[in-house]
Amino acid sequence: MRVETPLIERTMAIARVDWTPSHRQPSVVRLALATLTAIIGSLVADAIIVAIGTHIFPGTAGWDHFRFGDYAKLTIIGVLIGAAGWPVLTHISSAPRWLYGRLTVLISLALFLPDAWLLLHHQPLKDVAVLMAMHVAVAAVIYCSMVLIAPVRGVRAPR
């Protein structure tokens, strides 16, 4: 038996967490394909942003965080976490795309906190701005990969 306070109930209603969605889960194959696509797409997006950033701001070239090995491992970890969230939300929400989109924005904003930390420790603004653009690009790639490649499926059969 679940006991919820009115505040929790209202928060869950606003977040559209209803625990009984009428749709079916994305298939495991599609989730795996979406995750692989998100990893590859995110790494490509990061590489493009680093190339553009270091071209526009030549002084940023060689910054530790712009080395492929440095950002690749963090990007892959972030993608795996983001990809793991999608099937959870499709299981608990009748509006998983809506909720996943808002959580993507909130988590992206939270990921700016380490960037702010870098600025506070006198890292160049141009370098950190490029890093922030990488965060936004990765978030967009993960969101699009999950909701487009591994969408929820039709209405669940009645039990």
Protein backbone atom coordinates (compact mmCIF):
# COMPACT_ATOMS: atom_id res chain seq x y z
CA MET A 1 0.00 0.00 0.00
CA ARG A 2 1.38 3.36 -1.06
CA VAL A 3 0.70 6.38 1.14
CA GLU A 4 1.29 9.71 -0.57
CA THR A 5 0.96 13.23 0.67
CA PRO A 6 -0.95 15.82 -1.36
CA LEU A 7 2.35 17.52 -2.30
CA ILE A 8 3.80 14.29 -3.64
CA GLU A 9 0.57 13.50 -5.49
CA ARG A 10 0.51 16.94 -7.10
CA THR A 11 4.17 16.72 -8.05
CA MET A 12 3.63 13.29 -9.60
CA ALA A 13 0.60 14.58 -11.51
CA ILE A 14 2.53 17.58 -12.81
CA ALA A 15 5.41 15.30 -13.83
CA ARG A 16 2.87 12.93 -15.42
CA VAL A 17 4.09 9.97 -13.42
CA ASP A 18 1.07 7.71 -13.16
CA TRP A 19 2.66 4.24 -12.92
CA THR A 20 0.14 2.73 -15.35
CA PRO A 21 0.87 3.91 -18.88
CA SER A 22 -1.32 2.43 -21.59
CA HIS A 23 1.55 2.05 -24.06
CA ARG A 24 4.04 -0.78 -24.41
CA GLN A 25 7.74 -0.47 -23.70
CA PRO A 26 10.23 0.12 -26.52
CA SER A 27 11.81 -3.11 -27.70
CA VAL A 28 15.21 -4.10 -26.32
CA VAL A 29 16.64 -4.12 -29.84
CA ARG A 30 15.45 -0.58 -30.49
CA LEU A 31 16.80 0.57 -27.10
CA ALA A 32 20.19 -0.94 -27.91
CA LEU A 33 20.17 0.66 -31.37
CA ALA A 34 19.14 4.03 -29.92
CA THR A 35 21.88 3.81 -27.28
CA LEU A 36 24.54 2.94 -29.85
CA THR A 37 23.31 5.75 -32.09
CA ALA A 38 23.41 8.17 -29.15
CA ILE A 39 26.97 7.16 -28.28
CA ILE A 40 28.25 7.52 -31.84
CA GLY A 41 26.22 10.68 -32.50
CA SER A 42 27.37 12.30 -29.27
CA LEU A 43 31.03 11.54 -29.91
CA VAL A 44 30.74 12.93 -33.45
CA ALA A 45 28.92 16.03 -32.17
CA ASP A 46 31.59 16.56 -29.51
CA ALA A 47 34.40 16.19 -32.06
CA ILE A 48 32.71 18.68 -34.40
CA ILE A 49 32.15 21.19 -31.61
CA VAL A 50 35.77 20.86 -30.45
CA ALA A 51 36.99 21.32 -34.03
CA ILE A 52 34.81 24.40 -34.52
CA GLY A 53 35.64 25.78 -31.08
CA THR A 54 39.39 25.40 -31.53
CA HIS A 55 39.13 26.90 -35.02
CA ILE A 56 37.16 29.94 -33.84
CA PHE A 57 39.19 30.26 -30.62
CA PRO A 58 42.70 29.02 -31.50
CA GLY A 59 43.85 29.59 -27.93
CA THR A 60 41.58 26.75 -26.79
CA ALA A 61 43.49 24.12 -28.77
CA GLY A 62 45.27 21.69 -26.52
CA TRP A 63 43.01 22.23 -23.49
CA ASP A 64 42.86 18.97 -21.52
CA HIS A 65 39.07 18.68 -21.76
CA PHE A 66 39.23 18.85 -25.57
CA ARG A 67 41.28 15.68 -25.95
CA PHE A 68 39.18 12.88 -27.41
CA GLY A 69 40.09 10.43 -24.66
CA ASP A 70 39.12 12.93 -21.98
CA TYR A 71 35.67 13.83 -23.28
CA ALA A 72 34.87 10.45 -24.85
CA LYS A 73 34.77 8.50 -21.59
CA LEU A 74 32.61 11.12 -19.88
CA THR A 75 30.34 11.36 -22.91
CA ILE A 76 29.84 7.60 -23.05
CA ILE A 77 29.04 7.45 -19.32
CA GLY A 78 26.55 10.31 -19.73
CA VAL A 79 24.90 8.68 -22.73
CA LEU A 80 24.55 5.36 -20.91
CA ILE A 81 22.93 7.10 -17.93
CA GLY A 82 20.61 9.10 -20.19
CA ALA A 83 19.73 6.02 -22.22
CA ALA A 84 18.96 4.05 -19.05
CA GLY A 85 16.48 6.72 -18.01
CA TRP A 86 14.31 6.38 -21.11
CA PRO A 87 12.93 2.86 -20.48
CA VAL A 88 12.34 3.78 -16.83
CA LEU A 89 10.24 6.78 -17.83
CA THR A 90 8.34 4.81 -20.46
CA HIS A 91 7.45 2.37 -17.69
CA ILE A 92 6.16 4.90 -15.16
CA SER A 93 4.71 7.72 -17.27
CA SER A 94 1.86 8.00 -19.72
CA ALA A 95 3.74 10.95 -21.28
CA PRO A 96 7.35 9.77 -21.33
CA ARG A 97 8.52 12.06 -24.15
CA TRP A 98 7.17 15.09 -22.29
CA LEU A 99 8.85 14.05 -19.04
CA TYR A 100 12.11 12.93 -20.69
CA GLY A 101 12.38 16.28 -22.49
CA ARG A 102 11.98 18.27 -19.30
CA LEU A 103 14.35 16.05 -17.36
CA THR A 104 16.88 16.38 -20.19
CA VAL A 105 16.78 20.17 -19.83
CA LEU A 106 17.03 20.01 -16.02
CA ILE A 107 19.92 17.56 -16.08
CA SER A 108 21.70 19.62 -18.73
CA LEU A 109 21.40 22.68 -16.52
CA ALA A 110 22.79 20.66 -13.61
CA LEU A 111 25.73 19.64 -15.80
CA PHE A 112 26.60 23.31 -16.17
CA LEU A 113 27.57 23.33 -12.47
CA PRO A 114 30.95 21.65 -13.10
CA ASP A 115 31.47 24.17 -15.90
CA ALA A 116 30.79 26.99 -13.46
CA TRP A 117 33.31 25.36 -11.13
CA LEU A 118 35.89 25.51 -13.93
CA LEU A 119 35.17 29.20 -14.43
CA LEU A 120 35.54 29.84 -10.71
CA HIS A 121 38.94 28.18 -10.92
CA HIS A 122 40.05 30.61 -13.62
CA GLN A 123 39.62 28.41 -16.66
CA PRO A 124 39.16 30.50 -19.82
CA LEU A 125 35.55 31.42 -20.63
CA LYS A 126 35.97 30.46 -24.29
CA ASP A 127 37.09 26.96 -23.35
CA VAL A 128 34.24 26.48 -20.91
CA ALA A 129 31.70 27.86 -23.42
CA VAL A 130 32.77 25.21 -25.93
CA LEU A 131 32.43 22.57 -23.20
CA MET A 132 28.92 23.82 -22.41
CA ALA A 133 28.00 23.58 -26.09
CA MET A 134 29.18 19.97 -25.99
CA HIS A 135 26.83 19.27 -23.04
CA VAL A 136 23.87 20.71 -24.94
CA ALA A 137 24.69 18.77 -28.11
CA VAL A 138 25.03 15.47 -26.24
CA ALA A 139 21.71 16.05 -24.47
CA ALA A 140 19.98 16.75 -27.79
CA VAL A 141 21.48 13.65 -29.41
CA ILE A 142 20.46 11.41 -26.51
CA TYR A 143 16.90 12.78 -26.43
CA CYS A 144 16.38 12.45 -30.18
CA SER A 145 17.94 8.99 -30.33
CA MET A 146 15.77 7.61 -27.56
CA VAL A 147 12.41 9.09 -28.50
CA LEU A 148 12.78 8.61 -32.26
CA ILE A 149 14.59 5.28 -32.51
CA ALA A 150 13.10 3.59 -29.42
CA PRO A 151 9.62 5.11 -29.13
CA VAL A 152 6.89 3.66 -26.97
CA ARG A 153 4.75 1.22 -28.87
CA GLY A 154 1.01 0.93 -29.32
CA VAL A 155 -1.57 0.39 -26.64
CA ARG A 156 -0.88 -2.39 -24.16
CA ALA A 157 -3.20 -5.38 -24.40
CA PRO A 158 -5.71 -5.59 -21.52
CA ARG A 159 -4.97 -8.22 -18.89
